[in-house]
Amino acid sequence: CLFTYQTWRFKDVSQGLDATPLWIPQI
């Protein structure tokens, strides 16, 4: 849960072609 929150806070996105915000699959 903490990792998912930090990913959302720092707006990390996937490095692939999809560029998906990583907090979505991390939920």
mmCIF file of all heavy atoms, coordinates in Angstrom:
data_MODEL
# 
_entry.id   MODEL 
# 
loop_
_atom_site.group_PDB 
_atom_site.id 
_atom_site.type_symbol 
_atom_site.label_atom_id 
_atom_site.label_alt_id 
_atom_site.label_comp_id 
_atom_site.label_asym_id 
_atom_site.label_entity_id 
_atom_site.label_seq_id 
_atom_site.pdbx_PDB_ins_code 
_atom_site.Cartn_x 
_atom_site.Cartn_y 
_atom_site.Cartn_z 
_atom_site.occupancy 
_atom_site.B_iso_or_equiv 
_atom_site.pdbx_formal_charge 
_atom_site.auth_seq_id 
_atom_site.auth_comp_id 
_atom_site.auth_asym_id 
_atom_site.auth_atom_id 
_atom_site.pdbx_PDB_model_num 
ATOM 1   N N   . CYS A 1 1  ? 0.833  -1.214 0.000   1.00 0.00 ? 1  CYS A N   1 
ATOM 2   C CA  . CYS A 1 1  ? 0.000  0.000  0.000   1.00 0.00 ? 1  CYS A CA  1 
ATOM 3   C C   . CYS A 1 1  ? 0.868  1.265  0.000   1.00 0.00 ? 1  CYS A C   1 
ATOM 4   O O   . CYS A 1 1  ? 0.563  2.238  -0.714  1.00 0.00 ? 1  CYS A O   1 
ATOM 5   C CB  . CYS A 1 1  ? -0.920 -0.006 1.209   1.00 0.00 ? 1  CYS A CB  1 
ATOM 6   S SG  . CYS A 1 1  ? -2.172 -1.319 1.192   1.00 0.00 ? 1  CYS A SG  1 
ATOM 7   N N   . LEU A 1 2  ? 1.936  1.247  0.781   1.00 0.00 ? 2  LEU A N   1 
ATOM 8   C CA  . LEU A 1 2  ? 2.835  2.401  0.825   1.00 0.00 ? 2  LEU A CA  1 
ATOM 9   C C   . LEU A 1 2  ? 3.511  2.622  -0.529  1.00 0.00 ? 2  LEU A C   1 
ATOM 10  O O   . LEU A 1 2  ? 3.640  3.766  -0.995  1.00 0.00 ? 2  LEU A O   1 
ATOM 11  C CB  . LEU A 1 2  ? 3.888  2.188  1.913   1.00 0.00 ? 2  LEU A CB  1 
ATOM 12  C CG  . LEU A 1 2  ? 4.900  3.324  2.126   1.00 0.00 ? 2  LEU A CG  1 
ATOM 13  C CD1 . LEU A 1 2  ? 4.198  4.606  2.543   1.00 0.00 ? 2  LEU A CD1 1 
ATOM 14  C CD2 . LEU A 1 2  ? 5.948  2.908  3.167   1.00 0.00 ? 2  LEU A CD2 1 
ATOM 15  N N   . PHE A 1 3  ? 3.928  1.541  -1.163  1.00 0.00 ? 3  PHE A N   1 
ATOM 16  C CA  . PHE A 1 3  ? 4.575  1.641  -2.472  1.00 0.00 ? 3  PHE A CA  1 
ATOM 17  C C   . PHE A 1 3  ? 3.611  2.188  -3.518  1.00 0.00 ? 3  PHE A C   1 
ATOM 18  O O   . PHE A 1 3  ? 3.992  3.016  -4.358  1.00 0.00 ? 3  PHE A O   1 
ATOM 19  C CB  . PHE A 1 3  ? 5.100  0.266  -2.880  1.00 0.00 ? 3  PHE A CB  1 
ATOM 20  C CG  . PHE A 1 3  ? 5.838  0.252  -4.176  1.00 0.00 ? 3  PHE A CG  1 
ATOM 21  C CD1 . PHE A 1 3  ? 7.035  0.943  -4.320  1.00 0.00 ? 3  PHE A CD1 1 
ATOM 22  C CD2 . PHE A 1 3  ? 5.344  -0.442 -5.265  1.00 0.00 ? 3  PHE A CD2 1 
ATOM 23  C CE1 . PHE A 1 3  ? 7.725  0.929  -5.522  1.00 0.00 ? 3  PHE A CE1 1 
ATOM 24  C CE2 . PHE A 1 3  ? 6.032  -0.462 -6.466  1.00 0.00 ? 3  PHE A CE2 1 
ATOM 25  C CZ  . PHE A 1 3  ? 7.219  0.236  -6.595  1.00 0.00 ? 3  PHE A CZ  1 
ATOM 26  N N   . THR A 1 4  ? 2.363  1.722  -3.475  1.00 0.00 ? 4  THR A N   1 
ATOM 27  C CA  . THR A 1 4  ? 1.361  2.216  -4.415  1.00 0.00 ? 4  THR A CA  1 
ATOM 28  C C   . THR A 1 4  ? 1.092  3.704  -4.202  1.00 0.00 ? 4  THR A C   1 
ATOM 29  O O   . THR A 1 4  ? 0.953  4.472  -5.162  1.00 0.00 ? 4  THR A O   1 
ATOM 30  C CB  . THR A 1 4  ? 0.061  1.415  -4.267  1.00 0.00 ? 4  THR A CB  1 
ATOM 31  O OG1 . THR A 1 4  ? 0.331  0.021  -4.465  1.00 0.00 ? 4  THR A OG1 1 
ATOM 32  C CG2 . THR A 1 4  ? -0.980 1.871  -5.281  1.00 0.00 ? 4  THR A CG2 1 
ATOM 33  N N   . TYR A 1 5  ? 1.035  4.114  -2.938  1.00 0.00 ? 5  TYR A N   1 
ATOM 34  C CA  . TYR A 1 5  ? 0.814  5.537  -2.640  1.00 0.00 ? 5  TYR A CA  1 
ATOM 35  C C   . TYR A 1 5  ? 1.973  6.397  -3.137  1.00 0.00 ? 5  TYR A C   1 
ATOM 36  O O   . TYR A 1 5  ? 1.766  7.471  -3.726  1.00 0.00 ? 5  TYR A O   1 
ATOM 37  C CB  . TYR A 1 5  ? 0.633  5.722  -1.133  1.00 0.00 ? 5  TYR A CB  1 
ATOM 38  C CG  . TYR A 1 5  ? 0.680  7.160  -0.688  1.00 0.00 ? 5  TYR A CG  1 
ATOM 39  C CD1 . TYR A 1 5  ? -0.383 8.031  -0.949  1.00 0.00 ? 5  TYR A CD1 1 
ATOM 40  C CD2 . TYR A 1 5  ? 1.806  7.671  -0.039  1.00 0.00 ? 5  TYR A CD2 1 
ATOM 41  C CE1 . TYR A 1 5  ? -0.330 9.359  -0.553  1.00 0.00 ? 5  TYR A CE1 1 
ATOM 42  C CE2 . TYR A 1 5  ? 1.867  9.000  0.356   1.00 0.00 ? 5  TYR A CE2 1 
ATOM 43  C CZ  . TYR A 1 5  ? 0.799  9.843  0.092   1.00 0.00 ? 5  TYR A CZ  1 
ATOM 44  O OH  . TYR A 1 5  ? 0.859  11.158 0.480   1.00 0.00 ? 5  TYR A OH  1 
ATOM 45  N N   . GLN A 1 6  ? 3.198  5.913  -2.933  1.00 0.00 ? 6  GLN A N   1 
ATOM 46  C CA  . GLN A 1 6  ? 4.359  6.681  -3.397  1.00 0.00 ? 6  GLN A CA  1 
ATOM 47  C C   . GLN A 1 6  ? 4.397  6.764  -4.917  1.00 0.00 ? 6  GLN A C   1 
ATOM 48  O O   . GLN A 1 6  ? 4.772  7.801  -5.485  1.00 0.00 ? 6  GLN A O   1 
ATOM 49  C CB  . GLN A 1 6  ? 5.635  6.038  -2.866  1.00 0.00 ? 6  GLN A CB  1 
ATOM 50  C CG  . GLN A 1 6  ? 5.809  6.181  -1.358  1.00 0.00 ? 6  GLN A CG  1 
ATOM 51  C CD  . GLN A 1 6  ? 7.034  5.442  -0.848  1.00 0.00 ? 6  GLN A CD  1 
ATOM 52  O OE1 . GLN A 1 6  ? 7.617  4.607  -1.549  1.00 0.00 ? 6  GLN A OE1 1 
ATOM 53  N NE2 . GLN A 1 6  ? 7.430  5.741  0.381   1.00 0.00 ? 6  GLN A NE2 1 
ATOM 54  N N   . THR A 1 7  ? 3.994  5.688  -5.578  1.00 0.00 ? 7  THR A N   1 
ATOM 55  C CA  . THR A 1 7  ? 3.934  5.719  -7.044  1.00 0.00 ? 7  THR A CA  1 
ATOM 56  C C   . THR A 1 7  ? 2.918  6.741  -7.527  1.00 0.00 ? 7  THR A C   1 
ATOM 57  O O   . THR A 1 7  ? 3.161  7.484  -8.494  1.00 0.00 ? 7  THR A O   1 
ATOM 58  C CB  . THR A 1 7  ? 3.577  4.322  -7.574  1.00 0.00 ? 7  THR A CB  1 
ATOM 59  O OG1 . THR A 1 7  ? 4.530  3.374  -7.110  1.00 0.00 ? 7  THR A OG1 1 
ATOM 60  C CG2 . THR A 1 7  ? 3.572  4.308  -9.098  1.00 0.00 ? 7  THR A CG2 1 
ATOM 61  N N   . TRP A 1 8  ? 1.768  6.806  -6.864  1.00 0.00 ? 8  TRP A N   1 
ATOM 62  C CA  . TRP A 1 8  ? 0.751  7.803  -7.225  1.00 0.00 ? 8  TRP A CA  1 
ATOM 63  C C   . TRP A 1 8  ? 1.238  9.217  -6.921  1.00 0.00 ? 8  TRP A C   1 
ATOM 64  O O   . TRP A 1 8  ? 0.997  10.143 -7.710  1.00 0.00 ? 8  TRP A O   1 
ATOM 65  C CB  . TRP A 1 8  ? -0.533 7.511  -6.463  1.00 0.00 ? 8  TRP A CB  1 
ATOM 66  C CG  . TRP A 1 8  ? -1.547 8.608  -6.556  1.00 0.00 ? 8  TRP A CG  1 
ATOM 67  C CD1 . TRP A 1 8  ? -2.403 8.853  -7.595  1.00 0.00 ? 8  TRP A CD1 1 
ATOM 68  C CD2 . TRP A 1 8  ? -1.783 9.637  -5.585  1.00 0.00 ? 8  TRP A CD2 1 
ATOM 69  N NE1 . TRP A 1 8  ? -3.177 9.966  -7.324  1.00 0.00 ? 8  TRP A NE1 1 
ATOM 70  C CE2 . TRP A 1 8  ? -2.812 10.468 -6.096  1.00 0.00 ? 8  TRP A CE2 1 
ATOM 71  C CE3 . TRP A 1 8  ? -1.244 9.933  -4.332  1.00 0.00 ? 8  TRP A CE3 1 
ATOM 72  C CZ2 . TRP A 1 8  ? -3.291 11.563 -5.397  1.00 0.00 ? 8  TRP A CZ2 1 
ATOM 73  C CZ3 . TRP A 1 8  ? -1.718 11.022 -3.630  1.00 0.00 ? 8  TRP A CZ3 1 
ATOM 74  C CH2 . TRP A 1 8  ? -2.736 11.828 -4.162  1.00 0.00 ? 8  TRP A CH2 1 
ATOM 75  N N   . ARG A 1 9  ? 1.920  9.365  -5.804  1.00 0.00 ? 9  ARG A N   1 
ATOM 76  C CA  . ARG A 1 9  ? 2.370  10.701 -5.403  1.00 0.00 ? 9  ARG A CA  1 
ATOM 77  C C   . ARG A 1 9  ? 3.408  11.253 -6.366  1.00 0.00 ? 9  ARG A C   1 
ATOM 78  O O   . ARG A 1 9  ? 3.369  12.445 -6.722  1.00 0.00 ? 9  ARG A O   1 
ATOM 79  C CB  . ARG A 1 9  ? 2.945  10.636 -3.997  1.00 0.00 ? 9  ARG A CB  1 
ATOM 80  C CG  . ARG A 1 9  ? 3.406  11.984 -3.453  1.00 0.00 ? 9  ARG A CG  1 
ATOM 81  C CD  . ARG A 1 9  ? 3.960  11.829 -2.053  1.00 0.00 ? 9  ARG A CD  1 
ATOM 82  N NE  . ARG A 1 9  ? 4.451  13.113 -1.535  1.00 0.00 ? 9  ARG A NE  1 
ATOM 83  C CZ  . ARG A 1 9  ? 5.060  13.256 -0.367  1.00 0.00 ? 9  ARG A CZ  1 
ATOM 84  N NH1 . ARG A 1 9  ? 5.233  12.183 0.421   1.00 0.00 ? 9  ARG A NH1 1 
ATOM 85  N NH2 . ARG A 1 9  ? 5.470  14.446 0.030   1.00 0.00 ? 9  ARG A NH2 1 
ATOM 86  N N   . PHE A 1 10 ? 4.337  10.402 -6.799  1.00 0.00 ? 10 PHE A N   1 
ATOM 87  C CA  . PHE A 1 10 ? 5.400  10.867 -7.705  1.00 0.00 ? 10 PHE A CA  1 
ATOM 88  C C   . PHE A 1 10 ? 5.034  10.723 -9.177  1.00 0.00 ? 10 PHE A C   1 
ATOM 89  O O   . PHE A 1 10 ? 5.857  10.994 -10.051 1.00 0.00 ? 10 PHE A O   1 
ATOM 90  C CB  . PHE A 1 10 ? 6.695  10.106 -7.422  1.00 0.00 ? 10 PHE A CB  1 
ATOM 91  C CG  . PHE A 1 10 ? 7.278  10.403 -6.068  1.00 0.00 ? 10 PHE A CG  1 
ATOM 92  C CD1 . PHE A 1 10 ? 7.214  9.471  -5.044  1.00 0.00 ? 10 PHE A CD1 1 
ATOM 93  C CD2 . PHE A 1 10 ? 7.881  11.627 -5.809  1.00 0.00 ? 10 PHE A CD2 1 
ATOM 94  C CE1 . PHE A 1 10 ? 7.750  9.744  -3.793  1.00 0.00 ? 10 PHE A CE1 1 
ATOM 95  C CE2 . PHE A 1 10 ? 8.421  11.909 -4.561  1.00 0.00 ? 10 PHE A CE2 1 
ATOM 96  C CZ  . PHE A 1 10 ? 8.351  10.964 -3.548  1.00 0.00 ? 10 PHE A CZ  1 
ATOM 97  N N   . LYS A 1 11 ? 3.805  10.257 -9.454  1.00 0.00 ? 11 LYS A N   1 
ATOM 98  C CA  . LYS A 1 11 ? 3.287  10.160 -10.826 1.00 0.00 ? 11 LYS A CA  1 
ATOM 99  C C   . LYS A 1 11 ? 4.196  9.326  -11.733 1.00 0.00 ? 11 LYS A C   1 
ATOM 100 O O   . LYS A 1 11 ? 4.503  9.729  -12.862 1.00 0.00 ? 11 LYS A O   1 
ATOM 101 C CB  . LYS A 1 11 ? 3.085  11.563 -11.420 1.00 0.00 ? 11 LYS A CB  1 
ATOM 102 C CG  . LYS A 1 11 ? 2.056  12.398 -10.666 1.00 0.00 ? 11 LYS A CG  1 
ATOM 103 C CD  . LYS A 1 11 ? 1.901  13.771 -11.279 1.00 0.00 ? 11 LYS A CD  1 
ATOM 104 C CE  . LYS A 1 11 ? 0.790  14.569 -10.623 1.00 0.00 ? 11 LYS A CE  1 
ATOM 105 N NZ  . LYS A 1 11 ? 0.931  14.707 -9.168  1.00 0.00 ? 11 LYS A NZ  1 
ATOM 106 N N   . ASP A 1 12 ? 4.605  8.170  -11.237 1.00 0.00 ? 12 ASP A N   1 
ATOM 107 C CA  . ASP A 1 12 ? 5.414  7.256  -12.047 1.00 0.00 ? 12 ASP A CA  1 
ATOM 108 C C   . ASP A 1 12 ? 4.555  6.625  -13.138 1.00 0.00 ? 12 ASP A C   1 
ATOM 109 O O   . ASP A 1 12 ? 3.396  6.257  -12.906 1.00 0.00 ? 12 ASP A O   1 
ATOM 110 C CB  . ASP A 1 12 ? 6.015  6.150  -11.176 1.00 0.00 ? 12 ASP A CB  1 
ATOM 111 C CG  . ASP A 1 12 ? 7.094  6.680  -10.256 1.00 0.00 ? 12 ASP A CG  1 
ATOM 112 O OD1 . ASP A 1 12 ? 7.610  7.785  -10.513 1.00 0.00 ? 12 ASP A OD1 1 
ATOM 113 O OD2 . ASP A 1 12 ? 7.415  5.998  -9.255  1.00 0.00 ? 12 ASP A OD2 1 
ATOM 114 N N   . VAL A 1 13 ? 5.143  6.493  -14.320 1.00 0.00 ? 13 VAL A N   1 
ATOM 115 C CA  . VAL A 1 13 ? 4.452  5.859  -15.445 1.00 0.00 ? 13 VAL A CA  1 
ATOM 116 C C   . VAL A 1 13 ? 5.306  4.732  -15.986 1.00 0.00 ? 13 VAL A C   1 
ATOM 117 O O   . VAL A 1 13 ? 6.507  4.654  -15.732 1.00 0.00 ? 13 VAL A O   1 
ATOM 118 C CB  . VAL A 1 13 ? 4.156  6.889  -16.566 1.00 0.00 ? 13 VAL A CB  1 
ATOM 119 C CG1 . VAL A 1 13 ? 3.220  7.973  -16.067 1.00 0.00 ? 13 VAL A CG1 1 
ATOM 120 C CG2 . VAL A 1 13 ? 5.449  7.477  -17.098 1.00 0.00 ? 13 VAL A CG2 1 
ATOM 121 N N   . SER A 1 14 ? 4.668  3.863  -16.716 1.00 0.00 ? 14 SER A N   1 
ATOM 122 C CA  . SER A 1 14 ? 5.374  2.740  -17.311 1.00 0.00 ? 14 SER A CA  1 
ATOM 123 C C   . SER A 1 14 ? 6.371  3.242  -18.354 1.00 0.00 ? 14 SER A C   1 
ATOM 124 O O   . SER A 1 14 ? 6.117  4.213  -19.074 1.00 0.00 ? 14 SER A O   1 
ATOM 125 C CB  . SER A 1 14 ? 4.375  1.781  -17.966 1.00 0.00 ? 14 SER A CB  1 
ATOM 126 O OG  . SER A 1 14 ? 5.046  0.792  -18.714 1.00 0.00 ? 14 SER A OG  1 
ATOM 127 N N   . GLN A 1 15 ? 7.503  2.564  -18.448 1.00 0.00 ? 15 GLN A N   1 
ATOM 128 C CA  . GLN A 1 15 ? 8.520  2.918  -19.432 1.00 0.00 ? 15 GLN A CA  1 
ATOM 129 C C   . GLN A 1 15 ? 8.263  2.290  -20.792 1.00 0.00 ? 15 GLN A C   1 
ATOM 130 O O   . GLN A 1 15 ? 9.029  2.503  -21.726 1.00 0.00 ? 15 GLN A O   1 
ATOM 131 C CB  . GLN A 1 15 ? 9.899  2.507  -18.921 1.00 0.00 ? 15 GLN A CB  1 
ATOM 132 C CG  . GLN A 1 15 ? 10.325 3.244  -17.657 1.00 0.00 ? 15 GLN A CG  1 
ATOM 133 C CD  . GLN A 1 15 ? 11.706 2.845  -17.191 1.00 0.00 ? 15 GLN A CD  1 
ATOM 134 O OE1 . GLN A 1 15 ? 12.361 1.996  -17.807 1.00 0.00 ? 15 GLN A OE1 1 
ATOM 135 N NE2 . GLN A 1 15 ? 12.166 3.463  -16.115 1.00 0.00 ? 15 GLN A NE2 1 
ATOM 136 N N   . GLY A 1 16 ? 7.180  1.502  -20.893 1.00 0.00 ? 16 GLY A N   1 
ATOM 137 C CA  . GLY A 1 16 ? 6.834  0.907  -22.172 1.00 0.00 ? 16 GLY A CA  1 
ATOM 138 C C   . GLY A 1 16 ? 6.068  1.867  -23.059 1.00 0.00 ? 16 GLY A C   1 
ATOM 139 O O   . GLY A 1 16 ? 5.894  3.058  -22.754 1.00 0.00 ? 16 GLY A O   1 
ATOM 140 N N   . LEU A 1 17 ? 5.579  1.339  -24.177 1.00 0.00 ? 17 LEU A N   1 
ATOM 141 C CA  . LEU A 1 17 ? 4.845  2.164  -25.131 1.00 0.00 ? 17 LEU A CA  1 
ATOM 142 C C   . LEU A 1 17 ? 3.483  2.578  -24.604 1.00 0.00 ? 17 LEU A C   1 
ATOM 143 O O   . LEU A 1 17 ? 2.897  3.545  -25.117 1.00 0.00 ? 17 LEU A O   1 
ATOM 144 C CB  . LEU A 1 17 ? 4.685  1.401  -26.453 1.00 0.00 ? 17 LEU A CB  1 
ATOM 145 C CG  . LEU A 1 17 ? 5.988  1.068  -27.198 1.00 0.00 ? 17 LEU A CG  1 
ATOM 146 C CD1 . LEU A 1 17 ? 5.686  0.228  -28.427 1.00 0.00 ? 17 LEU A CD1 1 
ATOM 147 C CD2 . LEU A 1 17 ? 6.737  2.336  -27.583 1.00 0.00 ? 17 LEU A CD2 1 
ATOM 148 N N   . ASP A 1 18 ? 2.967  1.882  -23.594 1.00 0.00 ? 18 ASP A N   1 
ATOM 149 C CA  . ASP A 1 18 ? 1.635  2.216  -23.089 1.00 0.00 ? 18 ASP A CA  1 
ATOM 150 C C   . ASP A 1 18 ? 1.639  3.464  -22.209 1.00 0.00 ? 18 ASP A C   1 
ATOM 151 O O   . ASP A 1 18 ? 0.640  4.176  -22.135 1.00 0.00 ? 18 ASP A O   1 
ATOM 152 C CB  . ASP A 1 18 ? 1.068  1.037  -22.291 1.00 0.00 ? 18 ASP A CB  1 
ATOM 153 C CG  . ASP A 1 18 ? 1.984  0.657  -21.132 1.00 0.00 ? 18 ASP A CG  1 
ATOM 154 O OD1 . ASP A 1 18 ? 3.201  0.492  -21.373 1.00 0.00 ? 18 ASP A OD1 1 
ATOM 155 O OD2 . ASP A 1 18 ? 1.493  0.516  -20.000 1.00 0.00 ? 18 ASP A OD2 1 
ATOM 156 N N   . ALA A 1 19 ? 2.759  3.747  -21.514 1.00 0.00 ? 19 ALA A N   1 
ATOM 157 C CA  . ALA A 1 19 ? 2.885  4.914  -20.624 1.00 0.00 ? 19 ALA A CA  1 
ATOM 158 C C   . ALA A 1 19 ? 1.747  4.980  -19.609 1.00 0.00 ? 19 ALA A C   1 
ATOM 159 O O   . ALA A 1 19 ? 1.192  6.043  -19.318 1.00 0.00 ? 19 ALA A O   1 
ATOM 160 C CB  . ALA A 1 19 ? 2.955  6.203  -21.435 1.00 0.00 ? 19 ALA A CB  1 
ATOM 161 N N   . THR A 1 20 ? 1.399  3.811  -19.047 1.00 0.00 ? 20 THR A N   1 
ATOM 162 C CA  . THR A 1 20 ? 0.319  3.732  -18.061 1.00 0.00 ? 20 THR A CA  1 
ATOM 163 C C   . THR A 1 20 ? 0.806  4.229  -16.695 1.00 0.00 ? 20 THR A C   1 
ATOM 164 O O   . THR A 1 20 ? 1.901  3.856  -16.266 1.00 0.00 ? 20 THR A O   1 
ATOM 165 C CB  . THR A 1 20 ? -0.175 2.279  -17.937 1.00 0.00 ? 20 THR A CB  1 
ATOM 166 O OG1 . THR A 1 20 ? -0.614 1.820  -19.212 1.00 0.00 ? 20 THR A OG1 1 
ATOM 167 C CG2 . THR A 1 20 ? -1.313 2.165  -16.929 1.00 0.00 ? 20 THR A CG2 1 
ATOM 168 N N   . PRO A 1 21 ? 0.035  5.042  -15.997 1.00 0.00 ? 21 PRO A N   1 
ATOM 169 C CA  . PRO A 1 21 ? 0.402  5.374  -14.614 1.00 0.00 ? 21 PRO A CA  1 
ATOM 170 C C   . PRO A 1 21 ? 0.489  4.095  -13.775 1.00 0.00 ? 21 PRO A C   1 
ATOM 171 O O   . PRO A 1 21 ? -0.480 3.337  -13.686 1.00 0.00 ? 21 PRO A O   1 
ATOM 172 C CB  . PRO A 1 21 ? -0.747 6.282  -14.152 1.00 0.00 ? 21 PRO A CB  1 
ATOM 173 C CG  . PRO A 1 21 ? -1.305 6.855  -15.416 1.00 0.00 ? 21 PRO A CG  1 
ATOM 174 C CD  . PRO A 1 21 ? -1.156 5.781  -16.453 1.00 0.00 ? 21 PRO A CD  1 
ATOM 175 N N   . LEU A 1 22 ? 1.622  3.863  -13.151 1.00 0.00 ? 22 LEU A N   1 
ATOM 176 C CA  . LEU A 1 22 ? 1.864  2.574  -12.517 1.00 0.00 ? 22 LEU A CA  1 
ATOM 177 C C   . LEU A 1 22 ? 1.007  2.330  -11.284 1.00 0.00 ? 22 LEU A C   1 
ATOM 178 O O   . LEU A 1 22 ? 0.844  1.173  -10.864 1.00 0.00 ? 22 LEU A O   1 
ATOM 179 C CB  . LEU A 1 22 ? 3.349  2.453  -12.153 1.00 0.00 ? 22 LEU A CB  1 
ATOM 180 C CG  . LEU A 1 22 ? 4.305  2.286  -13.338 1.00 0.00 ? 22 LEU A CG  1 
ATOM 181 C CD1 . LEU A 1 22 ? 5.744  2.238  -12.862 1.00 0.00 ? 22 LEU A CD1 1 
ATOM 182 C CD2 . LEU A 1 22 ? 3.961  1.020  -14.118 1.00 0.00 ? 22 LEU A CD2 1 
ATOM 183 N N   . TRP A 1 23 ? 0.461  3.391  -10.690 1.00 0.00 ? 23 TRP A N   1 
ATOM 184 C CA  . TRP A 1 23 ? -0.360 3.161  -9.502  1.00 0.00 ? 23 TRP A CA  1 
ATOM 185 C C   . TRP A 1 23 ? -1.654 2.422  -9.841  1.00 0.00 ? 23 TRP A C   1 
ATOM 186 O O   . TRP A 1 23 ? -2.244 1.766  -8.970  1.00 0.00 ? 23 TRP A O   1 
ATOM 187 C CB  . TRP A 1 23 ? -0.691 4.495  -8.819  1.00 0.00 ? 23 TRP A CB  1 
ATOM 188 C CG  . TRP A 1 23 ? -1.552 5.421  -9.618  1.00 0.00 ? 23 TRP A CG  1 
ATOM 189 C CD1 . TRP A 1 23 ? -1.140 6.386  -10.477 1.00 0.00 ? 23 TRP A CD1 1 
ATOM 190 C CD2 . TRP A 1 23 ? -2.987 5.454  -9.631  1.00 0.00 ? 23 TRP A CD2 1 
ATOM 191 N NE1 . TRP A 1 23 ? -2.214 7.040  -11.035 1.00 0.00 ? 23 TRP A NE1 1 
ATOM 192 C CE2 . TRP A 1 23 ? -3.362 6.493  -10.515 1.00 0.00 ? 23 TRP A CE2 1 
ATOM 193 C CE3 . TRP A 1 23 ? -3.978 4.733  -8.973  1.00 0.00 ? 23 TRP A CE3 1 
ATOM 194 C CZ2 . TRP A 1 23 ? -4.692 6.792  -10.771 1.00 0.00 ? 23 TRP A CZ2 1 
ATOM 195 C CZ3 . TRP A 1 23 ? -5.309 5.039  -9.218  1.00 0.00 ? 23 TRP A CZ3 1 
ATOM 196 C CH2 . TRP A 1 23 ? -5.649 6.058  -10.115 1.00 0.00 ? 23 TRP A CH2 1 
ATOM 197 N N   . ILE A 1 24 ? -2.080 2.483  -11.098 1.00 0.00 ? 24 ILE A N   1 
ATOM 198 C CA  . ILE A 1 24 ? -3.319 1.793  -11.481 1.00 0.00 ? 24 ILE A CA  1 
ATOM 199 C C   . ILE A 1 24 ? -3.157 0.269  -11.402 1.00 0.00 ? 24 ILE A C   1 
ATOM 200 O O   . ILE A 1 24 ? -3.951 -0.400 -10.726 1.00 0.00 ? 24 ILE A O   1 
ATOM 201 C CB  . ILE A 1 24 ? -3.768 2.254  -12.881 1.00 0.00 ? 24 ILE A CB  1 
ATOM 202 C CG1 . ILE A 1 24 ? -4.097 3.748  -12.856 1.00 0.00 ? 24 ILE A CG1 1 
ATOM 203 C CG2 . ILE A 1 24 ? -4.976 1.449  -13.347 1.00 0.00 ? 24 ILE A CG2 1 
ATOM 204 C CD1 . ILE A 1 24 ? -4.492 4.310  -14.210 1.00 0.00 ? 24 ILE A CD1 1 
ATOM 205 N N   . PRO A 1 25 ? -2.159 -0.335 -12.066 1.00 0.00 ? 25 PRO A N   1 
ATOM 206 C CA  . PRO A 1 25 ? -2.000 -1.785 -11.888 1.00 0.00 ? 25 PRO A CA  1 
ATOM 207 C C   . PRO A 1 25 ? -1.515 -2.172 -10.495 1.00 0.00 ? 25 PRO A C   1 
ATOM 208 O O   . PRO A 1 25 ? -1.773 -3.292 -10.037 1.00 0.00 ? 25 PRO A O   1 
ATOM 209 C CB  . PRO A 1 25 ? -0.972 -2.158 -12.968 1.00 0.00 ? 25 PRO A CB  1 
ATOM 210 C CG  . PRO A 1 25 ? -0.214 -0.909 -13.237 1.00 0.00 ? 25 PRO A CG  1 
ATOM 211 C CD  . PRO A 1 25 ? -1.204 0.192  -13.071 1.00 0.00 ? 25 PRO A CD  1 
ATOM 212 N N   . GLN A 1 26 ? -0.825 -1.244 -9.808  1.00 0.00 ? 26 GLN A N   1 
ATOM 213 C CA  . GLN A 1 26 ? -0.347 -1.572 -8.471  1.00 0.00 ? 26 GLN A CA  1 
ATOM 214 C C   . GLN A 1 26 ? -1.470 -1.620 -7.446  1.00 0.00 ? 26 GLN A C   1 
ATOM 215 O O   . GLN A 1 26 ? -1.285 -2.190 -6.353  1.00 0.00 ? 26 GLN A O   1 
ATOM 216 C CB  . GLN A 1 26 ? 0.710  -0.566 -8.037  1.00 0.00 ? 26 GLN A CB  1 
ATOM 217 C CG  . GLN A 1 26 ? 2.044  -0.737 -8.747  1.00 0.00 ? 26 GLN A CG  1 
ATOM 218 C CD  . GLN A 1 26 ? 3.037  0.354  -8.414  1.00 0.00 ? 26 GLN A CD  1 
ATOM 219 O OE1 . GLN A 1 26 ? 2.746  1.257  -7.629  1.00 0.00 ? 26 GLN A OE1 1 
ATOM 220 N NE2 . GLN A 1 26 ? 4.211  0.284  -9.023  1.00 0.00 ? 26 GLN A NE2 1 
ATOM 221 N N   . ILE A 1 27 ? -2.628 -1.070 -7.771  1.00 0.00 ? 27 ILE A N   1 
ATOM 222 C CA  . ILE A 1 27 ? -3.776 -1.186 -6.866  1.00 0.00 ? 27 ILE A CA  1 
ATOM 223 C C   . ILE A 1 27 ? -4.144 -2.647 -6.654  1.00 0.00 ? 27 ILE A C   1 
ATOM 224 O O   . ILE A 1 27 ? -4.512 -3.065 -5.543  1.00 0.00 ? 27 ILE A O   1 
ATOM 225 C CB  . ILE A 1 27 ? -4.971 -0.388 -7.420  1.00 0.00 ? 27 ILE A CB  1 
ATOM 226 C CG1 . ILE A 1 27 ? -4.711 1.121  -7.293  1.00 0.00 ? 27 ILE A CG1 1 
ATOM 227 C CG2 . ILE A 1 27 ? -6.256 -0.744 -6.683  1.00 0.00 ? 27 ILE A CG2 1 
ATOM 228 C CD1 . ILE A 1 27 ? -5.830 1.966  -7.852  1.00 0.00 ? 27 ILE A CD1 1 
# 
